[in-house]
Amino acid sequence: MHFKKIAAAVAAVGALTFLAACGDDSGDTASTNQTVSSTVPDGFPKDIPVVGTQFKAYDSPVEDAVGMEVVGATATSFPDAVDKLRAAKYDEVVSPGKDPSQQNATFSNEKYTVAIVSSQTGGKYRLTYSVIIPN
């Protein structure tokens, strides 16, 4: 079942996202080489409601998932993402955390399971989506 798989993995996603957000920006050549676009990356489902206007591919650590990072995430990106998924009638599998420096939530519908993870450090925000697409 996809729910259990992504719910168990979302903690790992959160930890990895937090560590990545804490990294030294001067040595982060991988993220600077990724293409930023006004459309979601190839392979990311276009019918999932997302926040932001700039996106780049994200190598999701969740098995069988496609990832995307919102470029220019802000303090309101995570709660806005939660609101959009709720408004689109996604079921809440893992409720959002309360710690603003590290938040995650998992939602699902009949087509997808979506994990969103937000981290904040040093005034910078990062928001990622990991989506399991059934085979």
C-alpha atoms as a PDB file:
ATOM      1  CA  MET A   1       0.000   0.000   0.000  1.00  0.00           C
ATOM      2  CA  HIS A   2       1.402   3.405  -1.027  1.00  0.00           C
ATOM      3  CA  PHE A   3       0.209   5.113   2.181  1.00  0.00           C
ATOM      4  CA  LYS A   4       2.429   3.104   4.504  1.00  0.00           C
ATOM      5  CA  LYS A   5       5.382   3.278   2.145  1.00  0.00           C
ATOM      6  CA  ILE A   6       5.455   7.052   1.882  1.00  0.00           C
ATOM      7  CA  ALA A   7       4.394   7.691   5.487  1.00  0.00           C
ATOM      8  CA  ALA A   8       7.395   5.687   6.668  1.00  0.00           C
ATOM      9  CA  ALA A   9       9.696   7.390   4.190  1.00  0.00           C
ATOM     10  CA  VAL A  10       8.580  10.963   4.877  1.00  0.00           C
ATOM     11  CA  ALA A  11      10.680  11.137   8.050  1.00  0.00           C
ATOM     12  CA  ALA A  12      13.749  10.254   6.007  1.00  0.00           C
ATOM     13  CA  VAL A  13      12.795  12.862   3.419  1.00  0.00           C
ATOM     14  CA  GLY A  14      12.475  15.456   6.161  1.00  0.00           C
ATOM     15  CA  ALA A  15      15.843  14.623   7.665  1.00  0.00           C
ATOM     16  CA  LEU A  16      17.560  14.732   4.286  1.00  0.00           C
ATOM     17  CA  THR A  17      15.852  17.991   3.359  1.00  0.00           C
ATOM     18  CA  PHE A  18      16.900  19.562   6.649  1.00  0.00           C
ATOM     19  CA  LEU A  19      20.506  18.457   6.186  1.00  0.00           C
ATOM     20  CA  ALA A  20      20.529  19.789   2.648  1.00  0.00           C
ATOM     21  CA  ALA A  21      19.132  23.119   3.806  1.00  0.00           C
ATOM     22  CA  CYS A  22      21.890  23.373   6.417  1.00  0.00           C
ATOM     23  CA  GLY A  23      24.625  22.756   3.874  1.00  0.00           C
ATOM     24  CA  ASP A  24      27.217  25.262   2.732  1.00  0.00           C
ATOM     25  CA  ASP A  25      25.771  27.142  -0.250  1.00  0.00           C
ATOM     26  CA  SER A  26      29.225  27.917  -1.651  1.00  0.00           C
ATOM     27  CA  GLY A  27      29.885  24.238  -2.327  1.00  0.00           C
ATOM     28  CA  ASP A  28      26.464  23.319  -3.668  1.00  0.00           C
ATOM     29  CA  THR A  29      27.162  22.963  -7.367  1.00  0.00           C
ATOM     30  CA  ALA A  30      24.454  20.354  -7.942  1.00  0.00           C
ATOM     31  CA  SER A  31      21.593  22.728  -7.227  1.00  0.00           C
ATOM     32  CA  THR A  32      23.116  25.555  -9.273  1.00  0.00           C
ATOM     33  CA  ASN A  33      23.400  23.239 -12.284  1.00  0.00           C
ATOM     34  CA  GLN A  34      19.733  22.260 -12.182  1.00  0.00           C
ATOM     35  CA  THR A  35      17.376  23.992 -14.561  1.00  0.00           C
ATOM     36  CA  VAL A  36      14.840  26.333 -12.998  1.00  0.00           C
ATOM     37  CA  SER A  37      11.555  26.534 -14.888  1.00  0.00           C
ATOM     38  CA  SER A  38       8.117  28.096 -14.630  1.00  0.00           C
ATOM     39  CA  THR A  39       6.636  24.632 -15.246  1.00  0.00           C
ATOM     40  CA  VAL A  40       6.978  21.539 -13.096  1.00  0.00           C
ATOM     41  CA  PRO A  41       9.823  19.176 -14.108  1.00  0.00           C
ATOM     42  CA  ASP A  42       9.337  16.348 -16.595  1.00  0.00           C
ATOM     43  CA  GLY A  43       7.731  13.359 -14.938  1.00  0.00           C
ATOM     44  CA  PHE A  44       6.065  15.388 -12.190  1.00  0.00           C
ATOM     45  CA  PRO A  45       2.259  15.120 -12.487  1.00  0.00           C
ATOM     46  CA  LYS A  46       0.848  18.401 -13.757  1.00  0.00           C
ATOM     47  CA  ASP A  47      -2.523  17.800 -12.099  1.00  0.00           C
ATOM     48  CA  ILE A  48      -1.150  18.017  -8.532  1.00  0.00           C
ATOM     49  CA  PRO A  49      -1.794  21.446  -6.997  1.00  0.00           C
ATOM     50  CA  VAL A  50       1.526  23.095  -6.096  1.00  0.00           C
ATOM     51  CA  VAL A  51       2.669  26.438  -4.727  1.00  0.00           C
ATOM     52  CA  GLY A  52       5.231  28.726  -6.292  1.00  0.00           C
ATOM     53  CA  THR A  53       6.038  29.864  -9.795  1.00  0.00           C
ATOM     54  CA  GLN A  54       9.572  28.509 -10.215  1.00  0.00           C
ATOM     55  CA  PHE A  55      10.520  24.839  -9.938  1.00  0.00           C
ATOM     56  CA  LYS A  56      13.432  22.453 -10.396  1.00  0.00           C
ATOM     57  CA  ALA A  57      13.834  18.706 -10.362  1.00  0.00           C
ATOM     58  CA  TYR A  58      14.623  17.116  -6.994  1.00  0.00           C
ATOM     59  CA  ASP A  59      16.037  13.626  -6.502  1.00  0.00           C
ATOM     60  CA  SER A  60      13.515  12.302  -4.013  1.00  0.00           C
ATOM     61  CA  PRO A  61      14.910   9.799  -1.512  1.00  0.00           C
ATOM     62  CA  VAL A  62      11.473   8.140  -1.452  1.00  0.00           C
ATOM     63  CA  GLU A  63      11.559   4.910  -3.455  1.00  0.00           C
ATOM     64  CA  ASP A  64       9.526   5.031  -6.691  1.00  0.00           C
ATOM     65  CA  ALA A  65       8.815   8.756  -6.274  1.00  0.00           C
ATOM     66  CA  VAL A  66       9.347  11.748  -8.513  1.00  0.00           C
ATOM     67  CA  GLY A  67      10.522  14.911  -6.776  1.00  0.00           C
ATOM     68  CA  MET A  68      10.313  18.642  -7.281  1.00  0.00           C
ATOM     69  CA  GLU A  69      11.685  21.617  -5.356  1.00  0.00           C
ATOM     70  CA  VAL A  70       9.945  24.990  -5.230  1.00  0.00           C
ATOM     71  CA  VAL A  71      12.487  27.713  -5.998  1.00  0.00           C
ATOM     72  CA  GLY A  72      12.068  30.809  -3.837  1.00  0.00           C
ATOM     73  CA  ALA A  73      10.088  29.128  -1.055  1.00  0.00           C
ATOM     74  CA  THR A  74       8.940  31.423   1.753  1.00  0.00           C
ATOM     75  CA  ALA A  75       7.566  31.130   5.277  1.00  0.00           C
ATOM     76  CA  THR A  76       4.057  30.641   3.858  1.00  0.00           C
ATOM     77  CA  SER A  77       4.939  28.060   1.183  1.00  0.00           C
ATOM     78  CA  PHE A  78       4.354  25.001   3.386  1.00  0.00           C
ATOM     79  CA  PRO A  79       0.986  26.061   4.859  1.00  0.00           C
ATOM     80  CA  ASP A  80      -0.110  27.206   1.391  1.00  0.00           C
ATOM     81  CA  ALA A  81       0.860  23.803  -0.066  1.00  0.00           C
ATOM     82  CA  VAL A  82      -1.119  22.033   2.675  1.00  0.00           C
ATOM     83  CA  ASP A  83      -4.144  24.257   1.998  1.00  0.00           C
ATOM     84  CA  LYS A  84      -4.006  23.550  -1.753  1.00  0.00           C
ATOM     85  CA  LEU A  85      -3.896  19.780  -1.262  1.00  0.00           C
ATOM     86  CA  ARG A  86      -6.753  19.923   1.254  1.00  0.00           C
ATOM     87  CA  ALA A  87      -8.802  22.114  -1.094  1.00  0.00           C
ATOM     88  CA  ALA A  88      -8.220  19.569  -3.870  1.00  0.00           C
ATOM     89  CA  LYS A  89      -9.762  16.928  -1.554  1.00  0.00           C
ATOM     90  CA  TYR A  90      -6.566  14.956  -0.931  1.00  0.00           C
ATOM     91  CA  ASP A  91      -6.784  12.745   2.160  1.00  0.00           C
ATOM     92  CA  GLU A  92      -4.384  13.629   4.965  1.00  0.00           C
ATOM     93  CA  VAL A  93      -2.204  10.586   5.709  1.00  0.00           C
ATOM     94  CA  VAL A  94       0.407  12.305   7.905  1.00  0.00           C
ATOM     95  CA  SER A  95      -0.671  15.610   9.453  1.00  0.00           C
ATOM     96  CA  PRO A  96       1.585  18.666   9.215  1.00  0.00           C
ATOM     97  CA  GLY A  97       4.118  19.102  11.989  1.00  0.00           C
ATOM     98  CA  LYS A  98       4.125  22.153  14.245  1.00  0.00           C
ATOM     99  CA  ASP A  99       7.867  23.001  14.186  1.00  0.00           C
ATOM    100  CA  PRO A 100       8.291  25.769  11.570  1.00  0.00           C
ATOM    101  CA  SER A 101      11.970  24.934  11.044  1.00  0.00           C
ATOM    102  CA  GLN A 102      11.119  21.400   9.866  1.00  0.00           C
ATOM    103  CA  GLN A 103       7.640  20.432   8.650  1.00  0.00           C
ATOM    104  CA  ASN A 104       6.271  17.550   6.631  1.00  0.00           C
ATOM    105  CA  ALA A 105       2.898  16.183   5.647  1.00  0.00           C
ATOM    106  CA  THR A 106       1.607  13.412   3.414  1.00  0.00           C
ATOM    107  CA  PHE A 107      -1.588  13.428   1.368  1.00  0.00           C
ATOM    108  CA  SER A 108      -3.180  10.979  -1.035  1.00  0.00           C
ATOM    109  CA  ASN A 109      -6.015  10.583  -3.476  1.00  0.00           C
ATOM    110  CA  GLU A 110      -7.001   7.827  -5.882  1.00  0.00           C
ATOM    111  CA  LYS A 111      -4.091   8.709  -8.212  1.00  0.00           C
ATOM    112  CA  TYR A 112      -1.140   9.864  -6.094  1.00  0.00           C
ATOM    113  CA  THR A 113       0.534   9.940  -2.711  1.00  0.00           C
ATOM    114  CA  VAL A 114       2.191  13.320  -2.120  1.00  0.00           C
ATOM    115  CA  ALA A 115       4.735  14.137   0.594  1.00  0.00           C
ATOM    116  CA  ILE A 116       5.662  17.766   1.159  1.00  0.00           C
ATOM    117  CA  VAL A 117       8.631  18.764   3.276  1.00  0.00           C
ATOM    118  CA  SER A 118       9.695  22.227   4.366  1.00  0.00           C
ATOM    119  CA  SER A 119      12.814  23.266   6.203  1.00  0.00           C
ATOM    120  CA  GLN A 120      14.038  26.630   7.368  1.00  0.00           C
ATOM    121  CA  THR A 121      17.503  27.586   8.471  1.00  0.00           C
ATOM    122  CA  GLY A 122      19.236  30.924   8.609  1.00  0.00           C
ATOM    123  CA  GLY A 123      16.192  32.689   7.190  1.00  0.00           C
ATOM    124  CA  LYS A 124      16.147  30.499   4.067  1.00  0.00           C
ATOM    125  CA  TYR A 125      13.248  28.198   3.241  1.00  0.00           C
ATOM    126  CA  ARG A 126      13.152  25.022   1.191  1.00  0.00           C
ATOM    127  CA  LEU A 127      10.013  23.192   0.043  1.00  0.00           C
ATOM    128  CA  THR A 128      10.057  19.850  -1.751  1.00  0.00           C
ATOM    129  CA  TYR A 129       7.389  17.533  -3.108  1.00  0.00           C
ATOM    130  CA  SER A 130       7.795  13.760  -3.467  1.00  0.00           C
ATOM    131  CA  VAL A 131       5.064  11.984  -5.421  1.00  0.00           C
ATOM    132  CA  ILE A 132       4.521   8.257  -5.737  1.00  0.00           C
ATOM    133  CA  ILE A 133       2.917   7.464  -9.061  1.00  0.00           C
ATOM    134  CA  PRO A 134       1.303   4.011  -9.243  1.00  0.00           C
ATOM    135  CA  ASN A 135       2.712   1.687 -11.892  1.00  0.00           C
END
